[in-house]
Amino acid sequence: MAKIRVTKEFRFEMAHALHNYNGLCKNIHGHSYIMYVTVMGEPDANPENSDYGMVIDFSELKSVVNREIVKPFDHSVVISKRAGEDYISRVKEITNRYFIVPYQPTCENLLLDFVERVTKVLPFKVKLYSLRLYETAGSFAEWYADDN
């Protein structure tokens, strides 16, 4: 049977600050993220199944990605734990939606975090093929399973 790739687009708003960065991005600022999640698998070959002809039902992929990434991260502030307790305390004072992460929250590192979150909960019949995360209209990072 043929392998097929299917892709779903997601959009969410998120803020971050780059600790110890020498530029404007050291300040808390937000982006309108666009993310493309592509999975690969074989279409269901059993005409008796409700997913007959599908690699994955788009609604199932939407549910997984919304639960693991969009809902928790949308309208949140992401800060590196290396920023220090004083800085983190001030972030906690201004919002109740925040993530303190063990990495610098660049587009690249966020992408790797998101890859891990999605990979661990996908149905066994599909594999994550790629993930592309746009931080701005003209700037994105992408991950491909074949490269890793």
Protein backbone atom coordinates (compact mmCIF):
# COMPACT_ATOMS: atom_id res chain seq x y z
CA MET A 1 0.00 0.00 0.00
CA ALA A 2 1.11 3.56 -0.67
CA LYS A 3 2.34 5.90 2.03
CA ILE A 4 0.44 9.19 2.13
CA ARG A 5 1.22 12.41 3.96
CA VAL A 6 -1.54 14.60 5.37
CA THR A 7 -1.08 18.07 6.81
CA LYS A 8 -3.14 20.24 9.12
CA GLU A 9 -2.58 23.93 9.86
CA PHE A 10 -2.84 25.42 13.35
CA ARG A 11 -2.74 29.05 14.50
CA PHE A 12 -2.13 30.44 17.98
CA GLU A 13 -0.79 33.51 19.76
CA MET A 14 2.14 33.22 22.12
CA ALA A 15 4.70 35.47 23.77
CA HIS A 16 8.28 34.73 24.73
CA ALA A 17 11.52 36.40 25.75
CA LEU A 18 15.05 35.26 24.94
CA HIS A 19 17.19 35.29 28.06
CA ASN A 20 20.62 36.90 27.70
CA TYR A 21 19.94 37.72 24.04
CA ASN A 22 21.67 40.79 22.61
CA GLY A 23 18.74 42.34 20.77
CA LEU A 24 15.09 43.33 21.00
CA CYS A 25 13.92 39.75 21.47
CA LYS A 26 15.29 39.81 25.02
CA ASN A 27 12.06 41.64 25.88
CA ILE A 28 8.73 39.85 26.24
CA HIS A 29 7.02 40.03 22.87
CA GLY A 30 4.37 38.05 21.02
CA HIS A 31 3.92 36.31 17.71
CA SER A 32 1.02 34.95 15.71
CA TYR A 33 2.34 31.43 15.19
CA ILE A 34 1.28 29.25 12.30
CA MET A 35 2.17 25.59 12.52
CA TYR A 36 1.88 22.86 9.90
CA VAL A 37 1.81 19.31 11.21
CA THR A 38 2.34 16.56 8.63
CA VAL A 39 1.88 12.90 9.43
CA MET A 40 2.46 9.90 7.20
CA GLY A 41 0.92 6.47 7.00
CA GLU A 42 -1.13 4.13 4.88
CA PRO A 43 -4.81 4.85 4.28
CA ASP A 44 -7.07 2.43 6.12
CA ALA A 45 -7.80 -0.40 3.68
CA ASN A 46 -10.77 -1.93 5.49
CA PRO A 47 -14.06 -0.77 3.92
CA GLU A 48 -15.85 -1.72 7.14
CA ASN A 49 -13.92 0.86 9.21
CA SER A 50 -15.20 4.40 9.64
CA ASP A 51 -11.69 5.69 8.74
CA TYR A 52 -11.65 3.72 5.48
CA GLY A 53 -9.41 5.51 2.96
CA MET A 54 -7.87 7.80 5.60
CA VAL A 55 -4.36 7.96 7.02
CA ILE A 56 -5.87 9.75 10.02
CA ASP A 57 -9.14 11.58 10.43
CA PHE A 58 -8.29 15.29 10.30
CA SER A 59 -10.45 15.80 13.39
CA GLU A 60 -8.29 13.30 15.32
CA LEU A 61 -5.09 15.08 14.29
CA LYS A 62 -6.70 18.39 15.25
CA SER A 63 -7.68 17.03 18.65
CA VAL A 64 -4.17 15.72 19.40
CA VAL A 65 -2.38 18.93 18.41
CA ASN A 66 -4.89 21.20 20.11
CA ARG A 67 -4.64 19.22 23.35
CA GLU A 68 -0.82 18.98 23.38
CA ILE A 69 0.19 22.38 21.97
CA VAL A 70 -2.44 24.92 20.97
CA LYS A 71 -4.64 24.97 24.07
CA PRO A 72 -1.81 25.04 26.63
CA PHE A 73 0.45 27.47 24.74
CA ASP A 74 -2.12 29.83 23.18
CA HIS A 75 -1.91 33.28 24.80
CA SER A 76 0.86 32.16 27.14
CA VAL A 77 4.31 33.56 27.89
CA VAL A 78 7.27 31.19 27.48
CA ILE A 79 10.41 31.93 29.50
CA SER A 80 13.65 30.01 29.98
CA LYS A 81 14.30 28.85 33.54
CA ARG A 82 17.77 30.37 33.10
CA ALA A 83 16.16 33.81 33.29
CA GLY A 84 16.29 33.54 37.07
CA GLU A 85 13.74 33.50 39.85
CA ASP A 86 13.30 37.30 40.05
CA TYR A 87 12.40 37.56 36.36
CA ILE A 88 10.19 34.48 36.49
CA SER A 89 8.38 35.86 39.58
CA ARG A 90 7.61 39.07 37.70
CA VAL A 91 6.20 37.09 34.77
CA LYS A 92 4.02 35.11 37.18
CA GLU A 93 2.70 38.41 38.60
CA ILE A 94 1.44 39.62 35.22
CA THR A 95 -0.09 36.43 33.84
CA ASN A 96 -1.39 33.05 34.90
CA ARG A 97 -0.61 31.56 31.49
CA TYR A 98 3.09 30.88 31.34
CA PHE A 99 5.59 28.11 30.68
CA ILE A 100 8.99 28.02 32.29
CA VAL A 101 11.05 25.81 29.99
CA PRO A 102 14.54 24.30 30.35
CA TYR A 103 15.60 25.75 26.98
CA GLN A 104 15.91 29.11 25.26
CA PRO A 105 12.42 29.56 23.74
CA THR A 106 13.57 30.23 20.18
CA CYS A 107 11.44 29.12 17.26
CA GLU A 108 13.83 26.20 16.76
CA ASN A 109 13.67 24.98 20.36
CA LEU A 110 9.91 25.44 20.59
CA LEU A 111 9.64 23.36 17.42
CA LEU A 112 11.66 20.52 18.99
CA ASP A 113 9.46 20.65 22.10
CA PHE A 114 6.32 20.48 19.95
CA VAL A 115 7.71 17.57 17.92
CA GLU A 116 8.21 15.61 21.14
CA ARG A 117 4.75 16.47 22.47
CA VAL A 118 3.00 15.36 19.26
CA THR A 119 5.12 12.28 18.59
CA LYS A 120 4.39 10.68 21.94
CA VAL A 121 0.60 10.78 21.53
CA LEU A 122 -0.01 10.06 17.85
CA PRO A 123 -1.93 6.89 17.03
CA PHE A 124 0.40 3.96 16.32
CA LYS A 125 -0.67 3.78 12.66
CA VAL A 126 0.79 7.20 11.77
CA LYS A 127 4.19 8.77 12.17
CA LEU A 128 5.08 12.44 12.43
CA TYR A 129 6.69 13.31 9.10
CA SER A 130 7.35 17.03 9.56
CA LEU A 131 6.46 20.04 11.61
CA ARG A 132 6.87 23.63 10.41
CA LEU A 133 6.50 26.53 12.84
CA TYR A 134 6.16 30.07 11.51
CA GLU A 135 7.12 32.71 14.06
CA THR A 136 6.47 35.56 11.62
CA ALA A 137 5.02 35.66 8.12
CA GLY A 138 8.45 35.22 6.60
CA SER A 139 10.37 33.22 9.22
CA PHE A 140 9.96 29.60 10.22
CA ALA A 141 11.77 26.55 11.53
CA GLU A 142 11.03 23.05 10.36
CA TRP A 143 11.73 19.49 11.43
CA TYR A 144 11.68 16.37 9.24
CA ALA A 145 11.70 12.82 10.59
CA ASP A 146 14.00 11.76 7.74
CA ASP A 147 16.67 14.17 9.01
CA ASN A 148 16.63 12.77 12.53
